N, C-alpha and C. Protein backbone atom coordinates (compact mmCIF):
# COMPACT_ATOMS: atom_id res chain seq x y z
N MET A 1 0.82 -1.16 0.00
CA MET A 1 0.00 0.00 0.00
C MET A 1 0.88 1.24 0.00
N ALA A 2 0.81 1.97 -1.03
CA ALA A 2 1.60 3.18 -1.15
C ALA A 2 0.90 4.31 -0.42
N ARG A 3 1.68 4.97 0.33
CA ARG A 3 1.11 6.05 1.13
C ARG A 3 1.50 7.37 0.51
N LYS A 4 0.55 8.25 0.34
CA LYS A 4 0.84 9.57 -0.19
C LYS A 4 1.10 10.49 1.00
N PHE A 5 2.19 11.19 0.89
CA PHE A 5 2.53 12.13 1.95
C PHE A 5 1.92 13.48 1.62
N ALA A 6 1.24 14.02 2.58
CA ALA A 6 0.65 15.33 2.39
C ALA A 6 1.71 16.39 2.65
N ARG A 7 1.64 17.38 1.89
CA ARG A 7 2.61 18.46 2.05
C ARG A 7 2.24 19.28 3.29
N ILE A 8 3.26 19.49 4.17
CA ILE A 8 3.01 20.25 5.39
C ILE A 8 3.40 21.69 5.11
N SER A 9 2.46 22.58 5.32
CA SER A 9 2.75 24.00 5.07
C SER A 9 3.43 24.61 6.29
N ALA A 10 4.24 25.58 6.03
CA ALA A 10 4.95 26.27 7.10
C ALA A 10 3.97 27.07 7.93
N LYS A 11 4.11 26.94 9.26
CA LYS A 11 3.21 27.67 10.14
C LYS A 11 3.80 29.03 10.53
N ILE A 12 5.09 29.12 10.46
CA ILE A 12 5.75 30.37 10.81
C ILE A 12 6.42 30.90 9.55
N SER A 13 6.16 32.13 9.27
CA SER A 13 6.74 32.72 8.07
C SER A 13 8.22 33.03 8.32
N THR A 14 9.04 32.65 7.41
CA THR A 14 10.47 32.93 7.53
C THR A 14 10.82 34.26 6.89
N MET A 15 9.85 34.86 6.27
CA MET A 15 10.06 36.16 5.65
C MET A 15 9.95 37.25 6.72
N PRO A 16 10.83 38.22 6.69
CA PRO A 16 10.70 39.31 7.65
C PRO A 16 9.43 40.12 7.36
N ARG A 17 8.90 40.67 8.42
CA ARG A 17 7.69 41.48 8.24
C ARG A 17 8.02 42.74 7.46
N LEU A 18 7.04 43.20 6.77
CA LEU A 18 7.21 44.44 6.03
C LEU A 18 7.28 45.60 7.01
N LYS A 19 8.12 46.55 6.70
CA LYS A 19 8.23 47.72 7.57
C LYS A 19 7.00 48.59 7.39
N SER A 20 6.33 48.76 8.46
CA SER A 20 5.17 49.65 8.42
C SER A 20 5.43 50.81 9.37
N GLU A 21 4.54 51.74 9.35
CA GLU A 21 4.70 52.91 10.23
C GLU A 21 4.60 52.48 11.70
N ALA A 22 3.76 51.51 11.99
CA ALA A 22 3.59 51.04 13.37
C ALA A 22 4.87 50.37 13.88
N THR A 23 5.51 49.54 13.07
CA THR A 23 6.73 48.88 13.52
C THR A 23 7.87 49.89 13.67
N THR A 24 7.89 50.90 12.82
CA THR A 24 8.90 51.95 12.94
C THR A 24 8.72 52.71 14.25
N HIS A 25 7.47 53.05 14.59
CA HIS A 25 7.20 53.75 15.85
C HIS A 25 7.54 52.87 17.05
N LEU A 26 7.27 51.59 16.94
CA LEU A 26 7.60 50.67 18.03
C LEU A 26 9.11 50.60 18.25
N GLU A 27 9.87 50.52 17.19
CA GLU A 27 11.33 50.50 17.29
C GLU A 27 11.85 51.80 17.90
N LEU A 28 11.30 52.92 17.46
CA LEU A 28 11.69 54.22 18.03
C LEU A 28 11.41 54.27 19.53
N TYR A 29 10.24 53.81 19.92
CA TYR A 29 9.87 53.80 21.32
C TYR A 29 10.82 52.94 22.14
N LYS A 30 11.12 51.74 21.66
CA LYS A 30 12.01 50.84 22.39
C LYS A 30 13.41 51.45 22.51
N LEU A 31 13.89 52.09 21.47
CA LEU A 31 15.21 52.72 21.52
C LEU A 31 15.23 53.89 22.50
N GLN A 32 14.16 54.68 22.52
CA GLN A 32 14.10 55.81 23.45
C GLN A 32 14.06 55.33 24.91
N ILE A 33 13.31 54.27 25.16
CA ILE A 33 13.24 53.73 26.52
C ILE A 33 14.60 53.20 26.96
N GLU A 34 15.28 52.51 26.06
CA GLU A 34 16.61 52.00 26.41
C GLU A 34 17.59 53.14 26.64
N ARG A 35 17.50 54.19 25.86
CA ARG A 35 18.37 55.35 26.02
C ARG A 35 18.14 56.03 27.37
N GLN A 36 16.88 56.20 27.75
CA GLN A 36 16.56 56.80 29.05
C GLN A 36 17.08 55.94 30.19
N ARG A 37 16.91 54.62 30.07
CA ARG A 37 17.38 53.72 31.11
C ARG A 37 18.90 53.82 31.28
N LEU A 38 19.61 53.86 30.15
CA LEU A 38 21.07 53.95 30.21
C LEU A 38 21.54 55.29 30.76
N GLN A 39 20.83 56.36 30.41
CA GLN A 39 21.20 57.67 30.96
C GLN A 39 21.00 57.70 32.47
N GLN A 40 19.90 57.14 32.94
CA GLN A 40 19.64 57.11 34.38
C GLN A 40 20.68 56.24 35.09
N GLU A 41 21.04 55.13 34.49
CA GLU A 41 22.07 54.27 35.07
C GLU A 41 23.41 55.00 35.13
N MET A 42 23.72 55.76 34.10
CA MET A 42 24.96 56.54 34.08
C MET A 42 24.97 57.59 35.18
N GLU A 43 23.84 58.25 35.40
CA GLU A 43 23.76 59.25 36.48
C GLU A 43 23.95 58.58 37.84
N THR A 44 23.34 57.43 38.02
CA THR A 44 23.47 56.70 39.28
C THR A 44 24.92 56.29 39.51
N ILE A 45 25.57 55.81 38.48
CA ILE A 45 26.98 55.40 38.59
C ILE A 45 27.85 56.62 38.90
N GLU A 46 27.57 57.74 38.28
CA GLU A 46 28.36 58.95 38.52
C GLU A 46 28.19 59.44 39.96
N GLN A 47 26.95 59.37 40.48
CA GLN A 47 26.72 59.75 41.87
C GLN A 47 27.48 58.82 42.82
N ARG A 48 27.43 57.54 42.55
CA ARG A 48 28.14 56.58 43.39
C ARG A 48 29.64 56.79 43.32
N ARG A 49 30.14 57.10 42.14
CA ARG A 49 31.56 57.37 41.95
C ARG A 49 31.99 58.58 42.80
N GLN A 50 31.15 59.62 42.80
CA GLN A 50 31.47 60.82 43.57
C GLN A 50 31.46 60.50 45.07
N GLN A 51 30.50 59.69 45.52
CA GLN A 51 30.46 59.30 46.93
C GLN A 51 31.73 58.54 47.32
N ILE A 52 32.16 57.65 46.45
CA ILE A 52 33.37 56.87 46.73
C ILE A 52 34.59 57.77 46.79
N LEU A 53 34.70 58.72 45.86
CA LEU A 53 35.84 59.64 45.86
C LEU A 53 35.85 60.50 47.12
N ASP A 54 34.67 60.96 47.55
CA ASP A 54 34.59 61.75 48.78
C ASP A 54 35.03 60.94 49.98
N ARG A 55 34.57 59.70 50.04
CA ARG A 55 34.93 58.84 51.17
C ARG A 55 36.43 58.54 51.17
N LEU A 56 36.99 58.31 49.99
CA LEU A 56 38.44 58.07 49.90
C LEU A 56 39.24 59.27 50.38
N SER A 57 38.80 60.47 50.05
CA SER A 57 39.54 61.65 50.50
C SER A 57 39.45 61.80 52.01
N VAL A 58 38.29 61.50 52.59
CA VAL A 58 38.15 61.55 54.05
C VAL A 58 39.06 60.51 54.70
N LEU A 59 39.09 59.31 54.15
CA LEU A 59 39.95 58.27 54.70
C LEU A 59 41.43 58.64 54.58
N ASP A 60 41.82 59.23 53.47
CA ASP A 60 43.21 59.67 53.31
C ASP A 60 43.60 60.70 54.37
N MET A 61 42.68 61.64 54.63
CA MET A 61 42.96 62.65 55.65
C MET A 61 43.08 62.01 57.03
N GLN A 62 42.19 61.05 57.33
CA GLN A 62 42.24 60.40 58.64
C GLN A 62 43.52 59.58 58.80
N VAL A 63 43.93 58.90 57.75
CA VAL A 63 45.17 58.12 57.80
C VAL A 63 46.36 59.03 58.02
N ALA A 64 46.41 60.13 57.30
CA ALA A 64 47.52 61.07 57.46
C ALA A 64 47.55 61.64 58.88
N GLN A 65 46.38 61.95 59.40
CA GLN A 65 46.30 62.49 60.75
C GLN A 65 46.77 61.46 61.79
N LEU A 66 46.34 60.23 61.65
CA LEU A 66 46.75 59.19 62.58
C LEU A 66 48.23 58.88 62.45
N ASP A 67 48.76 58.95 61.24
CA ASP A 67 50.20 58.75 61.05
C ASP A 67 51.00 59.81 61.79
N LYS A 68 50.56 61.05 61.69
CA LYS A 68 51.25 62.14 62.39
C LYS A 68 51.20 61.92 63.90
N GLN A 69 50.01 61.54 64.40
CA GLN A 69 49.87 61.33 65.83
C GLN A 69 50.74 60.16 66.30
N SER A 70 50.74 59.09 65.55
CA SER A 70 51.53 57.93 65.98
C SER A 70 53.03 58.22 65.87
N ASP A 71 53.42 58.99 64.85
CA ASP A 71 54.83 59.36 64.73
C ASP A 71 55.26 60.20 65.93
N LYS A 72 54.41 61.13 66.33
CA LYS A 72 54.74 61.98 67.47
C LYS A 72 54.85 61.15 68.74
N ARG A 73 53.87 60.29 68.97
CA ARG A 73 53.88 59.47 70.17
C ARG A 73 55.03 58.48 70.16
N LEU A 74 55.21 57.78 69.06
CA LEU A 74 56.26 56.78 68.95
C LEU A 74 57.64 57.44 69.06
N GLY A 75 57.79 58.57 68.41
CA GLY A 75 59.07 59.26 68.44
C GLY A 75 59.43 59.74 69.84
N LYS A 76 58.49 60.29 70.56
CA LYS A 76 58.76 60.80 71.91
C LYS A 76 59.06 59.66 72.88
N THR A 77 58.23 58.65 72.89
CA THR A 77 58.42 57.58 73.87
C THR A 77 59.66 56.76 73.55
N THR A 78 59.92 56.49 72.30
CA THR A 78 61.09 55.69 71.94
C THR A 78 62.37 56.46 72.24
N LEU A 79 62.39 57.73 71.90
CA LEU A 79 63.59 58.52 72.16
C LEU A 79 63.84 58.66 73.65
N ASN A 80 62.80 58.84 74.44
CA ASN A 80 62.98 58.97 75.89
C ASN A 80 63.52 57.69 76.49
N HIS A 81 62.94 56.54 76.15
CA HIS A 81 63.40 55.27 76.69
C HIS A 81 64.81 54.94 76.20
N ALA A 82 65.08 55.22 74.95
CA ALA A 82 66.40 54.89 74.40
C ALA A 82 67.48 55.75 75.02
N SER A 83 67.21 57.02 75.22
CA SER A 83 68.24 57.89 75.78
C SER A 83 68.49 57.58 77.25
N GLU A 84 67.47 57.08 77.96
CA GLU A 84 67.67 56.71 79.36
C GLU A 84 68.55 55.47 79.45
N GLN A 85 68.33 54.48 78.57
CA GLN A 85 69.08 53.24 78.65
C GLN A 85 70.47 53.38 78.06
N ASN A 86 70.56 53.95 76.87
CA ASN A 86 71.82 54.03 76.16
C ASN A 86 71.81 55.30 75.31
N PRO A 87 72.68 56.23 75.56
CA PRO A 87 72.68 57.45 74.77
C PRO A 87 72.97 57.21 73.29
N ALA A 88 73.66 56.15 72.96
CA ALA A 88 73.95 55.86 71.56
C ALA A 88 72.71 55.36 70.84
N ALA A 89 71.77 54.81 71.58
CA ALA A 89 70.55 54.28 70.96
C ALA A 89 69.61 55.39 70.52
N ALA A 90 69.81 56.60 70.98
CA ALA A 90 68.96 57.71 70.58
C ALA A 90 69.12 58.02 69.10
N ALA A 91 70.28 57.71 68.55
CA ALA A 91 70.49 57.94 67.12
C ALA A 91 69.63 57.00 66.30
N ASN A 92 69.44 55.76 66.76
CA ASN A 92 68.60 54.79 66.07
C ASN A 92 67.53 54.33 67.06
N PRO A 93 66.38 54.95 67.08
CA PRO A 93 65.38 54.67 68.11
C PRO A 93 64.78 53.27 68.02
N PHE A 94 64.96 52.56 66.92
CA PHE A 94 64.35 51.24 66.78
C PHE A 94 65.29 50.12 67.18
N GLY A 95 66.50 50.42 67.53
CA GLY A 95 67.40 49.43 68.08
C GLY A 95 68.14 48.58 67.06
N SER A 96 67.65 48.47 65.88
CA SER A 96 68.34 47.68 64.87
C SER A 96 68.20 48.38 63.52
N SER A 97 69.03 47.96 62.61
CA SER A 97 69.01 48.60 61.30
C SER A 97 68.09 47.88 60.32
N GLU A 98 67.33 46.87 60.80
CA GLU A 98 66.44 46.14 59.93
C GLU A 98 65.26 47.02 59.52
N ALA A 99 64.89 46.89 58.28
CA ALA A 99 63.76 47.68 57.78
C ALA A 99 62.46 47.00 58.20
N PHE A 100 61.46 47.80 58.42
CA PHE A 100 60.16 47.28 58.78
C PHE A 100 59.39 46.93 57.52
N ASN A 101 58.65 45.85 57.55
CA ASN A 101 57.77 45.49 56.45
C ASN A 101 56.43 46.18 56.68
N THR A 102 55.95 46.83 55.66
CA THR A 102 54.67 47.52 55.76
C THR A 102 53.58 46.61 55.21
N LEU A 103 52.48 46.53 55.92
CA LEU A 103 51.38 45.69 55.50
C LEU A 103 50.15 46.56 55.32
N PHE A 104 49.57 46.53 54.13
CA PHE A 104 48.37 47.30 53.83
C PHE A 104 47.19 46.35 53.82
N LEU A 105 46.19 46.68 54.58
CA LEU A 105 44.98 45.88 54.63
C LEU A 105 43.87 46.62 53.92
N GLU A 106 43.21 45.93 53.02
CA GLU A 106 42.06 46.52 52.33
C GLU A 106 40.86 45.65 52.63
N TYR A 107 39.74 46.29 52.75
CA TYR A 107 38.51 45.54 52.97
C TYR A 107 37.40 46.11 52.15
């Protein structure tokens, strides 16, 4: 028994839709909405960037201030103790010529 195959028609058109005035307006609308969204995102990022820069400058000032205070305190107490024990130690308040390793912590 020979079977005849029926031709199956395409249900979805592979042809692009014709450009009409409605599709043009829809594309314009979608592009304008995306543009507004990106501009607002850019403003938000710029505000956040400014907040971060302000905070960094405050932190830099606080670090510099604390460095000055610790240098004053460390310098006075070390020099006083060193000169009491050994007058030659006043020239090198840290007692040895080894360099200190500096450790920066970020969080």
